Amino acid sequence: MKTILITGAAGDVGTHLRRELAGKYRIRASDLRSLKKISSEAFMRADISRMADALRITRGVDAIVHLGGYSVEGPWEGILSANIVGCYNVFEAARRNGVKRIVFPTSNHAVGFYPRTQTIDHRVYIKPDSRYGVSKVFGEALGSLYADKYGMQVFCMRIGNVNALPIDKRRLSILLTPRDLAQLVTIGIEHPDIRFEIVYGVSGNKRSWYDNSNAARLGYRPEDDSEEFAAEVLAREKPGDPVAEMHQGGVFCAVEGVPNPAPLPRRAPKAKPAASAATGKSRTPPMRARSRRRRS
């Protein structure tokens, strides 16, 4: 049985995936936050923005599903640390530890500025809708580099929205159910002929904006379609921002920040160091600022 590392394992997508893959693989779950274990999986706490942590969690695994990172549009500092530095650390740590296979769940936001009237495939030019989308483009480019230069096998999934059912009109087009997610990830782990591939992480939705023939070529046969929920979803849909409604990336195309669905717990502020009686200055040097608004 293969040992699979899942970073960002405490998040919604990671939790769905761990549940779906339980018993199929030995799962090593990693996150900066605590999680409730599923089955016999192992947990390793880590901050992937630190190379030492990335090296530690990637040692001795057969494949990596790299879900860790800042998961929405937000401050550049958090995205840079988790999605750029952290992503590089995971790929480089995998290379150093001899891990050949990486499944990288990128995002529909890497191409979110395409209009909803256009069907796109895996070969279109990138059109990110946000700084978050830019970070996912970086991950795809990094995967291409490590495949070509170091012979790694990289499977990129431009994920839509992972959920059991769609919550609005946009998600009728981009829904990815947990069991279809697990099928795609399994292809990414097991398919013998993968070198570098980009597919769309969506179910077989009638309203999809994506030509997912590259996933079909690799054996993907989605079991679910959001259409059965369409009447209910459309009945409660209200008009939104016109820019968001026009583009596949939705609200990411129109705003500077999106509430983080999985923020890290706030830490209590540290007590100020005692002042020197002679100078009135702190006796200890100031610490470097560090971002904690990320998932890892």
Protein backbone atom coordinates (compact mmCIF):
# COMPACT_ATOMS: atom_id res chain seq x y z
CA MET A 1 0.00 0.00 0.00
CA LYS A 2 1.38 3.41 -0.98
CA THR A 3 2.02 6.16 1.55
CA ILE A 4 0.46 9.45 0.46
CA LEU A 5 1.20 12.84 1.99
CA ILE A 6 -1.72 15.30 1.96
CA THR A 7 -0.74 18.86 2.86
CA GLY A 8 -3.47 21.26 3.96
CA ALA A 9 -5.23 18.18 5.29
CA ALA A 10 -7.35 20.03 7.87
CA GLY A 11 -9.16 22.11 5.24
CA ASP A 12 -12.51 21.25 3.67
CA VAL A 13 -11.01 19.72 0.51
CA GLY A 14 -8.38 17.83 2.49
CA THR A 15 -11.00 16.46 4.87
CA HIS A 16 -13.21 15.26 2.00
CA LEU A 17 -10.23 13.65 0.29
CA ARG A 18 -8.92 11.92 3.41
CA ARG A 19 -12.35 10.41 4.01
CA GLU A 20 -12.66 9.21 0.41
CA LEU A 21 -9.16 7.68 0.29
CA ALA A 22 -9.19 6.11 3.76
CA GLY A 23 -8.20 2.46 3.49
CA LYS A 24 -6.93 2.83 -0.07
CA TYR A 25 -3.62 4.42 0.91
CA ARG A 26 -1.56 4.97 4.04
CA ILE A 27 -2.28 8.65 4.58
CA ARG A 28 0.13 11.09 6.17
CA ALA A 29 -1.91 14.20 6.91
CA SER A 30 -0.12 17.50 7.44
CA ASP A 31 -1.32 20.98 8.36
CA LEU A 32 -0.41 23.95 10.49
CA ARG A 33 -3.69 23.43 12.33
CA SER A 34 -4.90 20.45 14.34
CA LEU A 35 -7.28 17.99 12.73
CA LYS A 36 -9.55 15.14 13.69
CA LYS A 37 -7.95 11.91 12.48
CA ILE A 38 -9.76 9.65 10.05
CA SER A 39 -9.08 5.90 10.30
CA SER A 40 -5.41 5.07 10.96
CA GLU A 41 -3.83 8.06 9.24
CA ALA A 42 -0.74 9.71 10.70
CA PHE A 43 -0.59 13.45 11.41
CA MET A 44 2.47 15.71 11.16
CA ARG A 45 2.12 19.38 12.03
CA ALA A 46 4.14 21.57 9.67
CA ASP A 47 4.55 25.08 8.28
CA ILE A 48 5.42 24.59 4.62
CA SER A 49 6.91 28.09 4.39
CA ARG A 50 9.84 26.54 6.30
CA MET A 51 12.04 24.25 4.21
CA ALA A 52 12.96 22.15 7.24
CA ASP A 53 9.28 21.32 7.79
CA ALA A 54 8.73 20.55 4.11
CA LEU A 55 11.72 18.18 4.11
CA ARG A 56 10.47 16.43 7.24
CA ILE A 57 6.93 15.73 6.04
CA THR A 58 7.89 14.63 2.50
CA ARG A 59 10.46 12.07 3.61
CA GLY A 60 9.49 8.45 2.91
CA VAL A 61 6.25 8.98 0.94
CA ASP A 62 5.30 7.62 -2.48
CA ALA A 63 3.26 10.61 -3.64
CA ILE A 64 2.18 14.05 -2.48
CA VAL A 65 -1.21 15.74 -2.82
CA HIS A 66 -0.30 19.38 -2.21
CA LEU A 67 -3.43 21.12 -0.94
CA GLY A 68 -1.64 23.37 1.55
CA GLY A 69 -1.73 27.11 1.09
CA TYR A 70 -3.72 30.32 1.37
CA SER A 71 -7.03 29.31 -0.18
CA VAL A 72 -8.67 32.59 -1.27
CA GLU A 73 -7.85 36.07 -2.56
CA GLY A 74 -6.27 38.13 0.21
CA PRO A 75 -3.16 39.96 1.40
CA TRP A 76 -0.10 39.37 -0.76
CA GLU A 77 2.07 38.64 2.27
CA GLY A 78 0.01 35.57 3.18
CA ILE A 79 -0.26 34.37 -0.42
CA LEU A 80 3.47 34.85 -1.02
CA SER A 81 4.47 32.92 2.10
CA ALA A 82 2.07 29.98 1.75
CA ASN A 83 1.43 29.67 -2.00
CA ILE A 84 4.74 30.78 -3.51
CA VAL A 85 7.42 30.02 -0.91
CA GLY A 86 5.45 27.09 0.52
CA CYS A 87 4.74 25.57 -2.90
CA TYR A 88 8.39 25.84 -3.91
CA ASN A 89 9.46 24.23 -0.64
CA VAL A 90 7.15 21.24 -1.18
CA PHE A 91 8.36 20.63 -4.74
CA GLU A 92 12.01 21.07 -3.82
CA ALA A 93 11.70 18.94 -0.69
CA ALA A 94 10.06 16.22 -2.79
CA ARG A 95 12.96 16.34 -5.25
CA ARG A 96 15.56 16.12 -2.49
CA ASN A 97 13.73 13.22 -0.85
CA GLY A 98 13.26 11.31 -4.11
CA VAL A 99 9.47 11.65 -4.28
CA LYS A 100 8.58 11.47 -7.97
CA ARG A 101 4.80 11.97 -8.02
CA ILE A 102 3.01 15.19 -7.07
CA VAL A 103 -0.70 15.88 -7.47
CA PHE A 104 -1.11 19.65 -7.43
CA PRO A 105 -4.68 20.91 -7.00
CA THR A 106 -4.40 24.24 -8.74
CA SER A 107 -7.56 26.28 -9.29
CA ASN A 108 -10.12 27.53 -11.79
CA HIS A 109 -8.91 30.97 -10.67
CA ALA A 110 -5.74 30.45 -12.74
CA VAL A 111 -8.01 31.06 -15.75
CA GLY A 112 -10.83 32.95 -14.05
CA PHE A 113 -10.89 35.96 -16.37
CA TYR A 114 -12.23 33.93 -19.29
CA PRO A 115 -15.87 34.83 -20.01
CA ARG A 116 -18.58 32.39 -19.04
CA THR A 117 -19.68 32.30 -22.67
CA GLN A 118 -16.41 30.59 -23.68
CA THR A 119 -15.57 26.92 -23.27
CA ILE A 120 -11.88 26.44 -22.48
CA ASP A 121 -9.55 23.46 -22.29
CA HIS A 122 -6.21 22.75 -20.61
CA ARG A 123 -4.23 24.44 -23.42
CA VAL A 124 -5.62 27.98 -23.07
CA TYR A 125 -3.35 30.85 -22.08
CA ILE A 126 -3.50 31.63 -18.38
CA LYS A 127 -5.84 34.47 -17.28
CA PRO A 128 -5.71 34.62 -13.46
CA ASP A 129 -8.44 36.59 -11.73
CA SER A 130 -6.60 37.40 -8.49
CA ARG A 131 -3.29 37.28 -6.65
CA TYR A 132 -4.45 33.88 -5.45
CA GLY A 133 -4.93 32.85 -9.10
CA VAL A 134 -1.43 34.11 -9.91
CA SER A 135 -0.04 31.90 -7.14
CA LYS A 136 -1.73 28.87 -8.70
CA VAL A 137 -0.25 29.74 -12.10
CA PHE A 138 3.13 29.81 -10.33
CA GLY A 139 2.48 26.30 -9.00
CA GLU A 140 1.61 25.01 -12.47
CA ALA A 141 4.78 26.56 -13.92
CA LEU A 142 6.84 25.11 -11.08
CA GLY A 143 5.36 21.69 -11.75
CA SER A 144 6.28 21.98 -15.42
CA LEU A 145 9.86 22.89 -14.49
CA TYR A 146 10.26 19.97 -12.08
CA ALA A 147 8.76 17.55 -14.61
CA ASP A 148 11.03 18.65 -17.45
CA LYS A 149 14.22 19.30 -15.49
CA TYR A 150 14.09 16.61 -12.81
CA GLY A 151 11.86 13.93 -14.32
CA MET A 152 9.08 14.27 -11.75
CA GLN A 153 5.50 13.28 -12.54
CA VAL A 154 3.13 16.19 -11.94
CA PHE A 155 -0.65 16.12 -12.24
CA CYS A 156 -2.32 19.55 -12.00
CA MET A 157 -6.07 19.78 -11.33
CA ARG A 158 -7.73 23.16 -11.84
CA ILE A 159 -10.32 22.61 -9.14
CA GLY A 160 -13.72 24.27 -9.29
CA ASN A 161 -15.66 23.95 -6.02
CA VAL A 162 -15.48 20.78 -3.93
CA ASN A 163 -18.83 20.08 -2.33
CA ALA A 164 -21.58 17.50 -2.24
CA LEU A 165 -23.95 19.93 -3.99
CA PRO A 166 -23.80 23.38 -5.65
CA ILE A 167 -24.69 26.41 -3.56
CA ASP A 168 -25.21 28.96 -6.36
CA LYS A 169 -25.49 29.39 -10.13
CA ARG A 170 -21.74 29.65 -10.71
CA ARG A 171 -21.12 26.39 -8.88
CA LEU A 172 -23.53 24.57 -11.18
CA SER A 173 -20.71 24.90 -13.71
CA ILE A 174 -17.73 24.11 -11.46
CA LEU A 175 -18.97 21.58 -8.88
CA LEU A 176 -16.59 18.75 -8.01
CA THR A 177 -18.10 16.17 -5.69
CA PRO A 178 -15.88 14.41 -3.15
CA ARG A 179 -16.05 11.05 -4.93
CA ASP A 180 -15.16 12.61 -8.28
CA LEU A 181 -12.29 14.45 -6.54
CA ALA A 182 -11.03 11.13 -5.18
CA GLN A 183 -11.23 9.56 -8.65
CA LEU A 184 -9.16 12.35 -10.18
CA VAL A 185 -6.57 12.26 -7.39
CA THR A 186 -6.28 8.48 -7.77
CA ILE A 187 -5.57 8.95 -11.49
CA GLY A 188 -2.92 11.51 -10.56
CA ILE A 189 -1.29 9.07 -8.16
CA GLU A 190 -1.60 5.86 -10.18
CA HIS A 191 -1.59 6.59 -13.92
CA PRO A 192 1.68 5.20 -15.31
CA ASP A 193 2.11 7.64 -18.21
CA ILE A 194 1.88 11.01 -16.45
CA ARG A 195 4.78 13.41 -16.89
CA PHE A 196 3.09 16.81 -16.71
CA GLU A 197 -0.67 17.15 -17.15
CA ILE A 198 -3.32 19.81 -16.57
CA VAL A 199 -6.95 18.77 -16.15
CA TYR A 200 -10.04 20.46 -14.73
CA GLY A 201 -11.26 19.39 -11.32
CA VAL A 202 -14.98 19.36 -12.04
CA SER A 203 -17.68 16.72 -12.11
CA GLY A 204 -19.56 15.88 -15.31
CA ASN A 205 -21.66 19.04 -15.10
CA LYS A 206 -23.99 19.81 -18.00
CA ARG A 207 -23.27 23.54 -17.50
CA SER A 208 -19.47 23.17 -17.33
CA TRP A 209 -17.31 25.85 -18.95
CA TYR A 210 -14.49 23.35 -19.48
CA ASP A 211 -13.55 20.93 -22.20
CA ASN A 212 -12.11 18.26 -19.91
CA SER A 213 -11.10 15.84 -22.66
CA ASN A 214 -7.55 15.65 -21.29
CA ALA A 215 -8.90 14.18 -18.06
CA ALA A 216 -11.09 11.78 -20.06
CA ARG A 217 -8.02 10.69 -22.06
CA LEU A 218 -6.41 9.66 -18.76
CA GLY A 219 -9.46 7.64 -17.72
CA TYR A 220 -11.58 10.14 -15.76
CA ARG A 221 -15.26 9.18 -15.76
CA PRO A 222 -17.12 11.52 -13.39
CA GLU A 223 -20.10 10.03 -11.61
CA ASP A 224 -21.92 13.24 -10.70
CA ASP A 225 -23.63 16.16 -12.47
CA SER A 226 -24.84 19.34 -10.75
CA GLU A 227 -27.85 19.61 -13.05
CA GLU A 228 -30.17 17.74 -10.70
CA PHE A 229 -29.89 20.73 -8.33
CA ALA A 230 -30.27 23.42 -11.01
CA ALA A 231 -33.95 24.26 -10.54
CA GLU A 232 -33.56 24.69 -6.78
CA VAL A 233 -30.37 26.74 -7.09
CA LEU A 234 -31.65 29.05 -9.82
CA ALA A 235 -34.92 29.70 -7.96
CA ARG A 236 -33.05 31.38 -5.09
CA GLU A 237 -30.30 33.07 -7.16
CA LYS A 238 -30.11 36.87 -6.89
CA PRO A 239 -28.29 39.25 -9.31
CA GLY A 240 -24.65 39.86 -8.39
CA ASP A 241 -21.77 42.11 -9.38
CA PRO A 242 -21.80 42.48 -13.20
CA VAL A 243 -18.04 41.83 -13.52
CA ALA A 244 -18.34 38.72 -11.38
CA GLU A 245 -21.36 37.50 -13.34
CA MET A 246 -19.53 37.90 -16.64
CA HIS A 247 -16.41 35.90 -15.79
CA GLN A 248 -15.72 32.31 -14.80
CA GLY A 249 -13.80 33.38 -11.69
CA GLY A 250 -16.86 35.08 -10.24
CA VAL A 251 -16.33 37.45 -7.33
CA PHE A 252 -12.55 36.92 -7.42
CA CYS A 253 -12.56 39.07 -10.58
CA ALA A 254 -14.14 42.00 -8.77
CA VAL A 255 -12.80 42.18 -5.20
CA GLU A 256 -9.50 42.60 -3.39
CA GLY A 257 -10.20 40.04 -0.69
CA VAL A 258 -12.40 37.04 0.06
CA PRO A 259 -13.09 35.84 3.62
CA ASN A 260 -10.77 32.96 4.48
CA PRO A 261 -12.93 29.85 5.10
CA ALA A 262 -10.28 28.35 7.37
CA PRO A 263 -8.39 31.09 9.21
CA LEU A 264 -5.75 30.09 11.69
CA PRO A 265 -6.62 30.62 15.35
CA ARG A 266 -5.52 33.99 16.68
CA ARG A 267 -2.59 33.93 19.04
CA ALA A 268 -2.62 35.87 22.26
CA PRO A 269 -0.41 38.97 22.02
CA LYS A 270 2.96 38.61 23.66
CA ALA A 271 3.78 40.72 26.69
CA LYS A 272 6.00 43.69 25.94
CA PRO A 273 9.60 43.25 27.16
CA ALA A 274 10.64 45.24 30.20
CA ALA A 275 12.28 48.59 29.47
CA SER A 276 15.82 49.34 30.50
CA ALA A 277 15.95 51.79 33.38
CA ALA A 278 18.94 53.52 31.79
CA THR A 279 17.66 53.94 28.24
CA GLY A 280 13.93 53.25 28.34
CA LYS A 281 14.44 50.86 25.41
CA SER A 282 13.59 47.20 25.17
CA ARG A 283 16.30 44.81 26.32
CA THR A 284 15.45 42.37 23.55
CA PRO A 285 15.67 43.00 19.79
CA PRO A 286 12.40 43.19 17.85
CA MET A 287 11.23 39.97 16.18
CA ARG A 288 10.71 39.74 12.45
CA ALA A 289 7.09 40.10 11.43
CA ARG A 290 5.57 36.91 10.12
CA SER A 291 2.27 36.09 8.49
CA ARG A 292 0.00 33.50 10.02
CA ARG A 293 -2.99 34.08 7.79
CA ARG A 294 -2.47 30.94 5.78
CA ARG A 295 -3.33 27.31 5.54
CA SER A 296 -0.48 24.86 5.24
